[in-house]
Amino acid sequence: MKNSETTWFLYLLRTDSGLLYTGITTDVTRRLAQHQAGKGARALRGKGPLTLAYHCVAGDRSTALKWEYRVKQLSKMQKERLVQHQPPTLTDFMPLFRSD
């Protein structure tokens, strides 16, 4: 499979303290295991148990990077709404990006 055809996912992890971390990957299960083993992002090291709060298909790598940037710009309250509503795709939740 060509890299441009690889499906990418956007995910949010919740730390023990309630922090929401946003990332992208081609394999959510593998990436969560890496984070939990301390081999993921430095921002999550030592933050206690991690739980997968949300994930969805984001498209190709370029699209996933764009969505990751947009989600990282959201306020904590907006990210919590995203987690609460669990939209199957981010385009299903576009009003979130225009509010607050």
C-alpha atoms as a PDB file:
ATOM      1  CA  MET A   1       0.000   0.000   0.000  1.00  0.00           C
ATOM      2  CA  LYS A   2       1.371   3.400  -0.941  1.00  0.00           C
ATOM      3  CA  ASN A   3       1.935   5.964   1.806  1.00  0.00           C
ATOM      4  CA  SER A   4      -0.684   8.257   0.256  1.00  0.00           C
ATOM      5  CA  GLU A   5      -3.240   5.440   0.581  1.00  0.00           C
ATOM      6  CA  THR A   6      -2.494   4.717   4.237  1.00  0.00           C
ATOM      7  CA  THR A   7      -5.361   5.555   6.574  1.00  0.00           C
ATOM      8  CA  TRP A   8      -4.449   7.880   9.421  1.00  0.00           C
ATOM      9  CA  PHE A   9      -6.335   8.360  12.674  1.00  0.00           C
ATOM     10  CA  LEU A  10      -6.605  11.296  15.025  1.00  0.00           C
ATOM     11  CA  TYR A  11      -6.732  10.373  18.710  1.00  0.00           C
ATOM     12  CA  LEU A  12      -7.069  12.031  22.108  1.00  0.00           C
ATOM     13  CA  LEU A  13      -5.565  10.467  25.212  1.00  0.00           C
ATOM     14  CA  ARG A  14      -6.559  11.416  28.735  1.00  0.00           C
ATOM     15  CA  THR A  15      -3.938  11.465  31.483  1.00  0.00           C
ATOM     16  CA  ASP A  16      -4.571  10.624  35.117  1.00  0.00           C
ATOM     17  CA  SER A  17      -4.759  14.372  35.850  1.00  0.00           C
ATOM     18  CA  GLY A  18      -7.365  14.985  33.117  1.00  0.00           C
ATOM     19  CA  LEU A  19      -5.058  16.468  30.466  1.00  0.00           C
ATOM     20  CA  LEU A  20      -6.110  15.687  26.892  1.00  0.00           C
ATOM     21  CA  TYR A  21      -3.265  14.919  24.487  1.00  0.00           C
ATOM     22  CA  THR A  22      -3.914  15.000  20.726  1.00  0.00           C
ATOM     23  CA  GLY A  23      -1.967  12.973  18.175  1.00  0.00           C
ATOM     24  CA  ILE A  24      -2.171  11.137  14.863  1.00  0.00           C
ATOM     25  CA  THR A  25      -1.161   7.610  13.908  1.00  0.00           C
ATOM     26  CA  THR A  26      -1.775   4.802  11.451  1.00  0.00           C
ATOM     27  CA  ASP A  27      -2.403   2.323  14.295  1.00  0.00           C
ATOM     28  CA  VAL A  28      -4.195   3.601  17.408  1.00  0.00           C
ATOM     29  CA  THR A  29      -3.666   0.428  19.466  1.00  0.00           C
ATOM     30  CA  ARG A  30       0.077   0.345  18.758  1.00  0.00           C
ATOM     31  CA  ARG A  31       0.485   4.050  19.465  1.00  0.00           C
ATOM     32  CA  LEU A  32      -1.412   3.863  22.760  1.00  0.00           C
ATOM     33  CA  ALA A  33       0.840   0.966  23.831  1.00  0.00           C
ATOM     34  CA  GLN A  34       3.915   3.047  22.912  1.00  0.00           C
ATOM     35  CA  HIS A  35       2.672   5.974  24.971  1.00  0.00           C
ATOM     36  CA  GLN A  36       1.846   3.719  27.918  1.00  0.00           C
ATOM     37  CA  ALA A  37       5.343   2.198  27.736  1.00  0.00           C
ATOM     38  CA  GLY A  38       6.903   5.677  27.915  1.00  0.00           C
ATOM     39  CA  LYS A  39       8.098   5.510  24.304  1.00  0.00           C
ATOM     40  CA  GLY A  40       5.682   8.094  22.943  1.00  0.00           C
ATOM     41  CA  ALA A  41       5.568  11.855  23.302  1.00  0.00           C
ATOM     42  CA  ARG A  42       7.674  13.382  26.061  1.00  0.00           C
ATOM     43  CA  ALA A  43       4.665  15.440  27.128  1.00  0.00           C
ATOM     44  CA  LEU A  44       2.995  12.250  28.377  1.00  0.00           C
ATOM     45  CA  ARG A  45       5.915  10.668  30.212  1.00  0.00           C
ATOM     46  CA  GLY A  46       5.274  10.368  33.916  1.00  0.00           C
ATOM     47  CA  LYS A  47       1.649  11.497  33.586  1.00  0.00           C
ATOM     48  CA  GLY A  48       0.247   8.280  35.009  1.00  0.00           C
ATOM     49  CA  PRO A  49      -2.176   5.882  33.342  1.00  0.00           C
ATOM     50  CA  LEU A  50      -3.391   6.924  29.899  1.00  0.00           C
ATOM     51  CA  THR A  51      -6.811   6.183  28.461  1.00  0.00           C
ATOM     52  CA  LEU A  52      -8.018   6.532  24.906  1.00  0.00           C
ATOM     53  CA  ALA A  53     -10.662   9.263  25.097  1.00  0.00           C
ATOM     54  CA  TYR A  54     -11.492   9.538  21.380  1.00  0.00           C
ATOM     55  CA  HIS A  55     -10.302   8.467  17.955  1.00  0.00           C
ATOM     56  CA  CYS A  56     -11.550   8.678  14.393  1.00  0.00           C
ATOM     57  CA  VAL A  57     -10.379   8.215  10.832  1.00  0.00           C
ATOM     58  CA  ALA A  58      -8.654  11.392   9.675  1.00  0.00           C
ATOM     59  CA  GLY A  59      -7.832  10.445   6.068  1.00  0.00           C
ATOM     60  CA  ASP A  60      -4.367  10.590   4.573  1.00  0.00           C
ATOM     61  CA  ARG A  61      -1.320  11.920   6.443  1.00  0.00           C
ATOM     62  CA  SER A  62      -1.693  15.470   5.153  1.00  0.00           C
ATOM     63  CA  THR A  63      -5.345  15.665   6.185  1.00  0.00           C
ATOM     64  CA  ALA A  64      -4.573  14.088   9.563  1.00  0.00           C
ATOM     65  CA  LEU A  65      -1.870  16.689  10.242  1.00  0.00           C
ATOM     66  CA  LYS A  66      -4.332  19.473   9.436  1.00  0.00           C
ATOM     67  CA  TRP A  67      -6.974  18.011  11.737  1.00  0.00           C
ATOM     68  CA  GLU A  68      -4.385  17.510  14.490  1.00  0.00           C
ATOM     69  CA  TYR A  69      -3.412  21.178  14.262  1.00  0.00           C
ATOM     70  CA  ARG A  70      -7.053  22.294  14.395  1.00  0.00           C
ATOM     71  CA  VAL A  71      -7.890  20.110  17.386  1.00  0.00           C
ATOM     72  CA  LYS A  72      -4.771  21.264  19.246  1.00  0.00           C
ATOM     73  CA  GLN A  73      -6.027  24.846  18.822  1.00  0.00           C
ATOM     74  CA  LEU A  74      -9.307  24.038  20.589  1.00  0.00           C
ATOM     75  CA  SER A  75      -9.942  25.043  24.177  1.00  0.00           C
ATOM     76  CA  LYS A  76     -10.114  22.369  26.879  1.00  0.00           C
ATOM     77  CA  MET A  77     -13.918  22.780  26.944  1.00  0.00           C
ATOM     78  CA  GLN A  78     -14.161  22.250  23.172  1.00  0.00           C
ATOM     79  CA  LYS A  79     -11.974  19.137  23.375  1.00  0.00           C
ATOM     80  CA  GLU A  80     -14.175  17.813  26.181  1.00  0.00           C
ATOM     81  CA  ARG A  81     -17.235  18.342  23.948  1.00  0.00           C
ATOM     82  CA  LEU A  82     -15.502  16.431  21.173  1.00  0.00           C
ATOM     83  CA  VAL A  83     -14.820  13.536  23.564  1.00  0.00           C
ATOM     84  CA  GLN A  84     -18.370  13.673  24.940  1.00  0.00           C
ATOM     85  CA  HIS A  85     -20.053  13.589  21.519  1.00  0.00           C
ATOM     86  CA  GLN A  86     -17.698  10.984  19.944  1.00  0.00           C
ATOM     87  CA  PRO A  87     -18.459  11.982  16.329  1.00  0.00           C
ATOM     88  CA  PRO A  88     -17.563   9.239  13.816  1.00  0.00           C
ATOM     89  CA  THR A  89     -15.651  11.832  11.778  1.00  0.00           C
ATOM     90  CA  LEU A  90     -14.427  15.298  12.607  1.00  0.00           C
ATOM     91  CA  THR A  91     -16.398  16.794   9.739  1.00  0.00           C
ATOM     92  CA  ASP A  92     -19.536  15.611  11.579  1.00  0.00           C
ATOM     93  CA  PHE A  93     -18.553  17.944  14.399  1.00  0.00           C
ATOM     94  CA  MET A  94     -17.535  21.060  12.428  1.00  0.00           C
ATOM     95  CA  PRO A  95     -19.724  23.426  14.502  1.00  0.00           C
ATOM     96  CA  LEU A  96     -17.305  22.748  17.361  1.00  0.00           C
ATOM     97  CA  PHE A  97     -14.556  24.511  15.440  1.00  0.00           C
ATOM     98  CA  ARG A  98     -16.674  27.626  14.944  1.00  0.00           C
ATOM     99  CA  SER A  99     -17.973  28.003  18.508  1.00  0.00           C
ATOM    100  CA  ASP A 100     -16.519  29.596  21.640  1.00  0.00           C
END
